[in-house]
N, C-alpha and C. Protein backbone atom coordinates (compact mmCIF):
# COMPACT_ATOMS: atom_id res chain seq x y z
N SER A 1 117.89 132.94 -13.49
CA SER A 1 119.31 133.17 -13.65
C SER A 1 119.74 132.73 -15.05
N SER A 2 120.88 133.22 -15.47
CA SER A 2 121.45 132.85 -16.77
C SER A 2 122.89 132.43 -16.57
N ARG A 3 123.29 131.42 -17.32
CA ARG A 3 124.65 130.90 -17.24
C ARG A 3 125.23 130.76 -18.64
N ASP A 4 126.54 130.81 -18.67
CA ASP A 4 127.29 130.66 -19.93
C ASP A 4 127.65 129.19 -20.12
N TYR A 5 126.63 128.36 -20.39
CA TYR A 5 126.85 126.93 -20.57
C TYR A 5 127.69 126.69 -21.81
N THR A 6 128.68 125.83 -21.68
CA THR A 6 129.61 125.59 -22.78
C THR A 6 129.84 124.09 -22.92
N TYR A 7 129.74 123.57 -24.12
CA TYR A 7 129.96 122.16 -24.38
C TYR A 7 131.42 121.81 -24.12
N VAL A 8 131.64 120.68 -23.48
CA VAL A 8 132.98 120.26 -23.07
C VAL A 8 133.94 120.16 -24.26
N GLY A 9 133.45 119.78 -25.42
CA GLY A 9 134.31 119.70 -26.60
C GLY A 9 134.86 121.05 -27.01
N ASP A 10 134.06 122.10 -26.82
CA ASP A 10 134.54 123.46 -27.12
C ASP A 10 135.60 123.89 -26.12
N ILE A 11 135.42 123.53 -24.86
CA ILE A 11 136.41 123.86 -23.84
C ILE A 11 137.70 123.11 -24.14
N ALA A 12 137.60 121.83 -24.47
CA ALA A 12 138.78 121.03 -24.79
C ALA A 12 139.54 121.64 -25.96
N ASP A 13 138.81 122.11 -26.97
CA ASP A 13 139.44 122.78 -28.11
C ASP A 13 140.23 124.01 -27.65
N GLY A 14 139.65 124.79 -26.77
CA GLY A 14 140.34 125.97 -26.26
C GLY A 14 141.59 125.62 -25.47
N VAL A 15 141.52 124.57 -24.67
CA VAL A 15 142.68 124.14 -23.88
C VAL A 15 143.80 123.68 -24.81
N VAL A 16 143.47 122.89 -25.82
CA VAL A 16 144.49 122.42 -26.77
C VAL A 16 145.10 123.60 -27.51
N ARG A 17 144.27 124.56 -27.90
CA ARG A 17 144.80 125.75 -28.58
C ARG A 17 145.78 126.51 -27.68
N ALA A 18 145.46 126.62 -26.40
CA ALA A 18 146.35 127.31 -25.46
C ALA A 18 147.66 126.54 -25.30
N LEU A 19 147.59 125.23 -25.25
CA LEU A 19 148.80 124.41 -25.10
C LEU A 19 149.68 124.44 -26.34
N ASP A 20 149.06 124.59 -27.50
CA ASP A 20 149.79 124.57 -28.77
C ASP A 20 150.49 125.88 -29.11
N ARG A 21 150.29 126.91 -28.32
CA ARG A 21 150.89 128.21 -28.61
C ARG A 21 151.89 128.59 -27.52
N PRO A 22 153.06 128.97 -27.93
CA PRO A 22 154.09 129.34 -26.93
C PRO A 22 153.90 130.77 -26.43
N ASN A 23 152.80 131.03 -25.72
CA ASN A 23 152.50 132.37 -25.23
C ASN A 23 152.91 132.58 -23.78
N GLY A 24 153.70 131.69 -23.22
CA GLY A 24 154.10 131.83 -21.83
C GLY A 24 152.92 131.60 -20.91
N PHE A 25 152.97 132.25 -19.77
CA PHE A 25 151.92 132.09 -18.76
C PHE A 25 150.81 133.10 -19.02
N GLN A 26 149.74 132.62 -19.61
CA GLN A 26 148.60 133.46 -19.94
C GLN A 26 147.35 132.88 -19.28
N ILE A 27 146.41 133.74 -19.02
CA ILE A 27 145.11 133.31 -18.51
C ILE A 27 144.09 133.57 -19.61
N TYR A 28 143.38 132.51 -19.99
CA TYR A 28 142.35 132.62 -21.01
C TYR A 28 141.01 132.25 -20.39
N ASN A 29 140.01 133.04 -20.68
CA ASN A 29 138.66 132.75 -20.23
C ASN A 29 137.97 131.98 -21.35
N LEU A 30 137.70 130.72 -21.10
CA LEU A 30 137.03 129.89 -22.10
C LEU A 30 135.58 129.70 -21.70
N GLY A 31 134.71 129.84 -22.63
CA GLY A 31 133.29 129.68 -22.41
C GLY A 31 132.59 129.80 -23.73
N ASN A 32 131.32 130.15 -23.69
CA ASN A 32 130.54 130.30 -24.90
C ASN A 32 130.34 131.77 -25.24
N GLY A 33 130.19 132.59 -24.23
CA GLY A 33 129.96 134.01 -24.45
C GLY A 33 128.50 134.37 -24.71
N ASN A 34 127.61 133.38 -24.55
CA ASN A 34 126.18 133.59 -24.79
C ASN A 34 125.37 132.95 -23.67
N PRO A 35 125.04 133.70 -22.64
CA PRO A 35 124.28 133.13 -21.52
C PRO A 35 122.91 132.61 -21.94
N VAL A 36 122.48 131.55 -21.26
CA VAL A 36 121.18 130.92 -21.49
C VAL A 36 120.46 130.90 -20.15
N LYS A 37 119.19 131.25 -20.18
CA LYS A 37 118.40 131.21 -18.94
C LYS A 37 118.32 129.77 -18.43
N LEU A 38 118.40 129.62 -17.12
CA LEU A 38 118.31 128.31 -16.50
C LEU A 38 117.02 127.60 -16.89
N SER A 39 115.92 128.34 -16.95
CA SER A 39 114.63 127.73 -17.33
C SER A 39 114.69 127.15 -18.74
N LYS A 40 115.36 127.82 -19.66
CA LYS A 40 115.52 127.33 -21.03
C LYS A 40 116.40 126.09 -21.05
N PHE A 41 117.48 126.11 -20.27
CA PHE A 41 118.39 124.97 -20.17
C PHE A 41 117.64 123.73 -19.69
N ILE A 42 116.82 123.90 -18.66
CA ILE A 42 116.03 122.79 -18.12
C ILE A 42 115.01 122.30 -19.15
N GLU A 43 114.40 123.24 -19.85
CA GLU A 43 113.43 122.88 -20.90
C GLU A 43 114.10 122.03 -21.98
N ILE A 44 115.31 122.40 -22.38
CA ILE A 44 116.04 121.65 -23.41
C ILE A 44 116.36 120.24 -22.91
N ILE A 45 116.79 120.12 -21.66
CA ILE A 45 117.09 118.80 -21.10
C ILE A 45 115.85 117.92 -21.14
N GLY A 46 114.71 118.47 -20.76
CA GLY A 46 113.47 117.71 -20.82
C GLY A 46 113.14 117.28 -22.23
N ASP A 47 113.33 118.18 -23.18
CA ASP A 47 113.04 117.89 -24.58
C ASP A 47 113.95 116.78 -25.11
N VAL A 48 115.24 116.90 -24.84
CA VAL A 48 116.22 115.94 -25.35
C VAL A 48 116.06 114.57 -24.71
N THR A 49 115.76 114.54 -23.42
CA THR A 49 115.63 113.26 -22.73
C THR A 49 114.24 112.65 -22.87
N GLY A 50 113.26 113.47 -23.27
CA GLY A 50 111.89 112.99 -23.37
C GLY A 50 111.25 112.78 -22.01
N LYS A 51 111.83 113.40 -21.00
CA LYS A 51 111.32 113.26 -19.64
C LYS A 51 110.53 114.51 -19.24
N GLU A 52 109.52 114.31 -18.41
CA GLU A 52 108.78 115.45 -17.88
C GLU A 52 109.66 116.16 -16.85
N VAL A 53 109.74 117.46 -16.98
CA VAL A 53 110.57 118.25 -16.07
C VAL A 53 109.69 118.81 -14.95
N LYS A 54 110.12 118.59 -13.74
CA LYS A 54 109.42 119.14 -12.57
C LYS A 54 110.37 120.14 -11.92
N ILE A 55 109.94 121.38 -11.86
CA ILE A 55 110.78 122.43 -11.31
C ILE A 55 110.27 122.82 -9.92
N ASN A 56 111.16 122.81 -8.98
CA ASN A 56 110.86 123.22 -7.61
C ASN A 56 111.67 124.50 -7.36
N LYS A 57 111.04 125.64 -7.63
CA LYS A 57 111.76 126.91 -7.51
C LYS A 57 112.08 127.24 -6.06
N LYS A 58 113.27 127.70 -5.86
CA LYS A 58 113.76 128.11 -4.55
C LYS A 58 114.24 129.54 -4.66
N PRO A 59 114.32 130.26 -3.55
CA PRO A 59 114.88 131.60 -3.60
C PRO A 59 116.38 131.53 -3.94
N PRO A 60 116.92 132.61 -4.45
CA PRO A 60 118.36 132.62 -4.75
C PRO A 60 119.17 132.20 -3.53
N GLN A 61 120.21 131.43 -3.78
CA GLN A 61 121.07 130.94 -2.71
C GLN A 61 122.16 131.96 -2.40
N PRO A 62 122.65 131.99 -1.16
CA PRO A 62 123.72 132.93 -0.81
C PRO A 62 124.93 132.74 -1.73
N GLY A 63 125.42 133.83 -2.25
CA GLY A 63 126.58 133.79 -3.13
C GLY A 63 126.27 133.54 -4.59
N ASP A 64 125.03 133.18 -4.89
CA ASP A 64 124.66 132.94 -6.28
C ASP A 64 124.59 134.26 -7.02
N VAL A 65 125.00 134.24 -8.27
CA VAL A 65 124.94 135.46 -9.10
C VAL A 65 123.84 135.27 -10.14
N PRO A 66 123.17 136.34 -10.53
CA PRO A 66 122.05 136.20 -11.45
C PRO A 66 122.47 135.86 -12.89
N ARG A 67 123.73 136.15 -13.26
CA ARG A 67 124.14 135.95 -14.65
C ARG A 67 125.64 135.74 -14.71
N THR A 68 126.07 134.78 -15.53
CA THR A 68 127.49 134.64 -15.84
C THR A 68 127.65 134.67 -17.35
N CYS A 69 128.75 135.24 -17.79
CA CYS A 69 129.05 135.31 -19.22
C CYS A 69 130.55 135.46 -19.38
N ALA A 70 131.15 134.50 -20.06
CA ALA A 70 132.59 134.53 -20.26
C ALA A 70 132.97 135.60 -21.29
N ASP A 71 133.97 136.39 -20.96
CA ASP A 71 134.55 137.30 -21.94
C ASP A 71 135.66 136.52 -22.64
N ILE A 72 135.36 136.03 -23.83
CA ILE A 72 136.30 135.18 -24.54
C ILE A 72 137.10 135.94 -25.60
N SER A 73 137.09 137.25 -25.53
CA SER A 73 137.76 138.06 -26.56
C SER A 73 139.26 137.77 -26.66
N LYS A 74 139.94 137.59 -25.53
CA LYS A 74 141.38 137.30 -25.57
C LYS A 74 141.63 135.94 -26.20
N ALA A 75 140.83 134.95 -25.83
CA ALA A 75 140.98 133.61 -26.41
C ALA A 75 140.68 133.63 -27.90
N ARG A 76 139.70 134.42 -28.30
CA ARG A 76 139.38 134.54 -29.73
C ARG A 76 140.56 135.14 -30.49
N SER A 77 141.09 136.24 -29.99
CA SER A 77 142.14 136.94 -30.72
C SER A 77 143.49 136.23 -30.67
N GLN A 78 143.86 135.66 -29.53
CA GLN A 78 145.18 135.05 -29.41
C GLN A 78 145.21 133.57 -29.77
N LEU A 79 144.10 132.88 -29.62
CA LEU A 79 144.08 131.44 -29.86
C LEU A 79 143.25 131.03 -31.07
N GLY A 80 142.45 131.96 -31.56
CA GLY A 80 141.52 131.59 -32.63
C GLY A 80 140.38 130.73 -32.10
N TYR A 81 140.10 130.88 -30.81
CA TYR A 81 139.06 130.09 -30.13
C TYR A 81 137.69 130.58 -30.54
N HIS A 82 136.88 129.67 -31.04
CA HIS A 82 135.51 129.99 -31.45
C HIS A 82 134.61 128.82 -31.07
N PRO A 83 133.95 128.86 -29.91
CA PRO A 83 133.05 127.76 -29.55
C PRO A 83 131.96 127.64 -30.60
N GLU A 84 131.72 126.42 -31.03
CA GLU A 84 130.80 126.20 -32.16
C GLU A 84 129.55 125.42 -31.81
N THR A 85 129.49 124.85 -30.61
CA THR A 85 128.38 123.96 -30.28
C THR A 85 127.25 124.72 -29.58
N PRO A 86 126.09 124.83 -30.24
CA PRO A 86 124.94 125.47 -29.58
C PRO A 86 124.52 124.65 -28.36
N VAL A 87 123.88 125.28 -27.40
CA VAL A 87 123.50 124.63 -26.16
C VAL A 87 122.63 123.39 -26.44
N TYR A 88 121.65 123.51 -27.31
CA TYR A 88 120.77 122.36 -27.60
C TYR A 88 121.58 121.17 -28.11
N GLU A 89 122.46 121.43 -29.05
CA GLU A 89 123.29 120.36 -29.61
C GLU A 89 124.24 119.77 -28.56
N GLY A 90 124.79 120.62 -27.71
CA GLY A 90 125.68 120.15 -26.65
C GLY A 90 124.96 119.23 -25.68
N ILE A 91 123.72 119.58 -25.35
CA ILE A 91 122.94 118.73 -24.46
C ILE A 91 122.61 117.42 -25.16
N GLN A 92 122.28 117.47 -26.45
CA GLN A 92 122.02 116.24 -27.20
C GLN A 92 123.24 115.32 -27.17
N LYS A 93 124.41 115.87 -27.41
CA LYS A 93 125.65 115.07 -27.41
C LYS A 93 125.93 114.51 -26.02
N THR A 94 125.71 115.31 -25.01
CA THR A 94 125.98 114.88 -23.63
C THR A 94 125.03 113.75 -23.22
N VAL A 95 123.76 113.90 -23.53
CA VAL A 95 122.78 112.86 -23.21
C VAL A 95 123.09 111.58 -23.97
N ALA A 96 123.45 111.70 -25.25
CA ALA A 96 123.81 110.51 -26.04
C ALA A 96 125.02 109.82 -25.44
N TRP A 97 126.03 110.59 -25.05
CA TRP A 97 127.23 110.00 -24.43
C TRP A 97 126.85 109.30 -23.13
N TYR A 98 126.07 109.96 -22.30
CA TYR A 98 125.66 109.40 -21.01
C TYR A 98 124.93 108.08 -21.21
N ARG A 99 123.97 108.09 -22.12
CA ARG A 99 123.18 106.88 -22.35
C ARG A 99 124.06 105.73 -22.87
N ASP A 100 124.99 106.06 -23.74
CA ASP A 100 125.89 105.03 -24.27
C ASP A 100 126.85 104.54 -23.18
N PHE A 101 127.46 105.44 -22.48
CA PHE A 101 128.46 105.08 -21.47
C PHE A 101 127.86 104.25 -20.34
N PHE A 102 126.67 104.65 -19.89
CA PHE A 102 126.03 103.95 -18.77
C PHE A 102 125.01 102.90 -19.24
N ASN A 103 124.90 102.74 -20.57
CA ASN A 103 124.00 101.75 -21.16
C ASN A 103 122.58 101.90 -20.63
N VAL A 104 122.07 103.13 -20.72
CA VAL A 104 120.71 103.42 -20.26
C VAL A 104 119.94 104.15 -21.36
N GLN A 105 118.63 104.05 -21.29
CA GLN A 105 117.77 104.81 -22.21
C GLN A 105 116.83 105.58 -21.37
């Protein structure tokens, strides 16, 4: 499967941009717009954490979709929203935050 993983800082930027503009009641789809395979995402987590990744594959779960991808065109045009954090970098930042916050290595 593939998902549109998006770093929380990019989402926060989009939310602030939406709040800063007097556009009334609008719905904006915030995301990255670039799906990443789950296997690649897991591989990156293993690389960043330095941990061996053990994958236990299961059949697709009921209701699961094979791919998600945010259409961010409205947010781009109306808000100037441009997510800038690549998935690898976002995972690095998240792992660093986690380790610092929970005081773990």
